[in-house]
């Protein structure tokens, strides 16, 4: 004799909830990666500008002596 098992009220959460969580996590990861790329590019530009300033400062110091 089989006993009827009541369906859980969390069927939707089990089937689609994890998919939504993974999709949200993937979207957040992609946003983080794109933001990191932007920050790295900005830092590269800053380093290049600082290097140019160092070159100019070195030239100015050498021209004084």
N, C-alpha and C. Protein backbone atom coordinates (compact mmCIF):
# COMPACT_ATOMS: atom_id res chain seq x y z
N UNK A 1 0.84 -1.17 0.00
CA UNK A 1 0.00 0.00 0.00
C UNK A 1 0.90 1.25 0.00
N UNK A 2 0.57 2.13 -0.92
CA UNK A 2 1.35 3.37 -1.03
C UNK A 2 0.67 4.49 -0.28
N UNK A 3 1.51 5.31 0.34
CA UNK A 3 0.98 6.46 1.06
C UNK A 3 1.26 7.69 0.20
N UNK A 4 0.27 8.50 -0.01
CA UNK A 4 0.44 9.71 -0.80
C UNK A 4 1.28 10.72 -0.03
N UNK A 5 2.36 11.14 -0.68
CA UNK A 5 3.24 12.13 -0.05
C UNK A 5 2.83 13.50 -0.55
N UNK A 6 2.52 14.42 0.36
CA UNK A 6 2.11 15.76 -0.09
C UNK A 6 3.26 16.48 -0.77
N UNK A 7 2.91 17.18 -1.83
CA UNK A 7 3.94 17.95 -2.54
C UNK A 7 4.37 19.12 -1.68
N UNK A 8 5.64 19.35 -1.72
CA UNK A 8 6.18 20.44 -0.92
C UNK A 8 5.74 21.78 -1.50
N UNK A 9 5.58 22.75 -0.64
CA UNK A 9 5.21 24.08 -1.13
C UNK A 9 6.42 24.81 -1.70
N UNK A 10 7.59 24.20 -1.58
CA UNK A 10 8.81 24.83 -2.08
C UNK A 10 9.30 24.22 -3.38
N UNK A 11 8.40 23.63 -4.15
CA UNK A 11 8.79 23.00 -5.40
C UNK A 11 9.36 24.04 -6.36
N UNK A 12 8.71 25.19 -6.47
CA UNK A 12 9.21 26.24 -7.37
C UNK A 12 10.59 26.69 -6.94
N UNK A 13 10.80 26.85 -5.64
CA UNK A 13 12.11 27.29 -5.15
C UNK A 13 13.19 26.28 -5.49
N UNK A 14 12.88 25.02 -5.34
CA UNK A 14 13.87 23.99 -5.65
C UNK A 14 14.17 23.93 -7.14
N UNK A 15 13.18 24.12 -7.97
CA UNK A 15 13.41 23.98 -9.40
C UNK A 15 14.01 25.24 -10.02
N UNK A 16 13.47 26.40 -9.68
CA UNK A 16 13.92 27.63 -10.32
C UNK A 16 14.75 28.51 -9.40
N UNK A 17 14.65 28.32 -8.12
CA UNK A 17 15.36 29.17 -7.17
C UNK A 17 16.87 29.11 -7.35
N UNK A 18 17.40 27.90 -7.47
CA UNK A 18 18.85 27.77 -7.65
C UNK A 18 19.29 28.35 -8.99
N UNK A 19 18.47 28.16 -10.00
CA UNK A 19 18.81 28.74 -11.30
C UNK A 19 18.86 30.26 -11.22
N UNK A 20 17.91 30.86 -10.52
CA UNK A 20 17.91 32.31 -10.37
C UNK A 20 19.12 32.79 -9.56
N UNK A 21 19.44 32.04 -8.52
CA UNK A 21 20.60 32.41 -7.71
C UNK A 21 21.88 32.33 -8.53
N UNK A 22 22.04 31.26 -9.32
CA UNK A 22 23.24 31.13 -10.15
C UNK A 22 23.29 32.21 -11.22
N UNK A 23 22.15 32.54 -11.81
CA UNK A 23 22.12 33.60 -12.81
C UNK A 23 22.51 34.94 -12.19
N UNK A 24 21.97 35.24 -11.01
CA UNK A 24 22.30 36.48 -10.33
C UNK A 24 23.78 36.52 -9.97
N UNK A 25 24.31 35.41 -9.48
CA UNK A 25 25.73 35.35 -9.12
C UNK A 25 26.60 35.54 -10.36
N UNK A 26 26.20 34.94 -11.48
CA UNK A 26 26.96 35.09 -12.72
C UNK A 26 26.93 36.54 -13.20
N UNK A 27 25.76 37.16 -13.12
CA UNK A 27 25.65 38.56 -13.53
C UNK A 27 26.51 39.46 -12.65
N UNK A 28 26.51 39.22 -11.36
CA UNK A 28 27.33 40.02 -10.45
C UNK A 28 28.82 39.79 -10.72
N UNK A 29 29.18 38.56 -11.03
CA UNK A 29 30.57 38.26 -11.35
C UNK A 29 31.00 39.00 -12.62
N UNK A 30 30.14 39.02 -13.63
CA UNK A 30 30.47 39.72 -14.87
C UNK A 30 30.60 41.22 -14.64
N UNK A 31 29.72 41.78 -13.82
CA UNK A 31 29.83 43.20 -13.50
C UNK A 31 31.13 43.50 -12.75
N UNK A 32 31.50 42.62 -11.84
CA UNK A 32 32.73 42.80 -11.09
C UNK A 32 33.95 42.73 -12.01
N UNK A 33 33.94 41.77 -12.93
CA UNK A 33 35.06 41.63 -13.85
C UNK A 33 35.18 42.84 -14.76
N UNK A 34 34.06 43.35 -15.25
CA UNK A 34 34.13 44.53 -16.12
C UNK A 34 34.59 45.76 -15.34
N UNK A 35 34.16 45.88 -14.10
CA UNK A 35 34.60 47.01 -13.26
C UNK A 35 36.09 46.90 -12.96
N UNK A 36 36.57 45.70 -12.71
CA UNK A 36 38.00 45.52 -12.47
C UNK A 36 38.80 45.88 -13.70
N UNK A 37 38.30 45.52 -14.87
CA UNK A 37 38.99 45.88 -16.11
C UNK A 37 39.08 47.38 -16.28
N UNK A 38 38.00 48.07 -15.95
CA UNK A 38 38.00 49.53 -16.05
C UNK A 38 39.00 50.14 -15.07
N UNK A 39 39.04 49.61 -13.86
CA UNK A 39 39.96 50.12 -12.84
C UNK A 39 41.40 49.86 -13.24
N UNK A 40 41.68 48.68 -13.78
CA UNK A 40 43.04 48.36 -14.22
C UNK A 40 43.46 49.30 -15.33
N UNK A 41 42.57 49.58 -16.27
CA UNK A 41 42.89 50.50 -17.36
C UNK A 41 43.19 51.90 -16.81
N UNK A 42 42.40 52.35 -15.86
CA UNK A 42 42.61 53.66 -15.25
C UNK A 42 43.95 53.71 -14.53
N UNK A 43 44.30 52.63 -13.83
CA UNK A 43 45.58 52.59 -13.13
C UNK A 43 46.74 52.60 -14.11
N UNK A 44 46.60 51.92 -15.23
CA UNK A 44 47.65 51.94 -16.25
C UNK A 44 47.86 53.36 -16.77
N UNK A 45 46.78 54.08 -17.01
CA UNK A 45 46.90 55.46 -17.48
C UNK A 45 47.59 56.32 -16.42
N UNK A 46 47.24 56.14 -15.16
CA UNK A 46 47.85 56.90 -14.09
C UNK A 46 49.34 56.61 -13.98
N UNK A 47 49.73 55.34 -14.10
CA UNK A 47 51.14 54.97 -14.04
C UNK A 47 51.90 55.62 -15.19
N UNK A 48 51.32 55.63 -16.38
CA UNK A 48 51.99 56.27 -17.53
C UNK A 48 52.17 57.76 -17.29
N UNK A 49 51.14 58.41 -16.73
CA UNK A 49 51.26 59.84 -16.44
C UNK A 49 52.33 60.10 -15.38
N UNK A 50 52.36 59.27 -14.36
CA UNK A 50 53.38 59.43 -13.32
C UNK A 50 54.77 59.21 -13.88
N UNK A 51 54.91 58.24 -14.78
CA UNK A 51 56.21 57.99 -15.39
C UNK A 51 56.67 59.21 -16.19
N UNK A 52 55.75 59.82 -16.94
CA UNK A 52 56.10 61.02 -17.69
C UNK A 52 56.53 62.14 -16.75
N UNK A 53 55.86 62.27 -15.60
CA UNK A 53 56.25 63.28 -14.63
C UNK A 53 57.64 63.02 -14.08
N UNK A 54 57.95 61.75 -13.84
CA UNK A 54 59.28 61.40 -13.33
C UNK A 54 60.34 61.72 -14.38
N UNK A 55 60.05 61.44 -15.63
CA UNK A 55 61.01 61.74 -16.71
C UNK A 55 61.25 63.24 -16.78
N UNK A 56 60.18 64.03 -16.72
CA UNK A 56 60.33 65.49 -16.76
C UNK A 56 61.10 66.01 -15.55
N UNK A 57 60.83 65.48 -14.38
CA UNK A 57 61.53 65.89 -13.18
C UNK A 57 63.01 65.54 -13.25
N UNK A 58 63.31 64.36 -13.76
CA UNK A 58 64.71 63.95 -13.92
C UNK A 58 65.43 64.86 -14.91
N UNK A 59 64.79 65.20 -16.00
CA UNK A 59 65.40 66.11 -16.99
C UNK A 59 65.65 67.47 -16.35
N UNK A 60 64.69 67.95 -15.56
CA UNK A 60 64.86 69.25 -14.91
C UNK A 60 66.02 69.21 -13.90
N UNK A 61 66.15 68.15 -13.16
CA UNK A 61 67.25 68.02 -12.20
C UNK A 61 68.59 67.94 -12.90
N UNK A 62 68.66 67.20 -14.01
CA UNK A 62 69.92 67.07 -14.73
C UNK A 62 70.31 68.38 -15.41
N UNK A 63 69.34 69.17 -15.83
CA UNK A 63 69.67 70.42 -16.51
C UNK A 63 70.18 71.47 -15.51
N UNK A 64 69.85 71.34 -14.23
CA UNK A 64 70.34 72.27 -13.22
C UNK A 64 71.82 72.08 -12.93
N UNK A 65 72.29 70.84 -13.03
CA UNK A 65 73.68 70.56 -12.65
C UNK A 65 74.59 70.70 -13.80
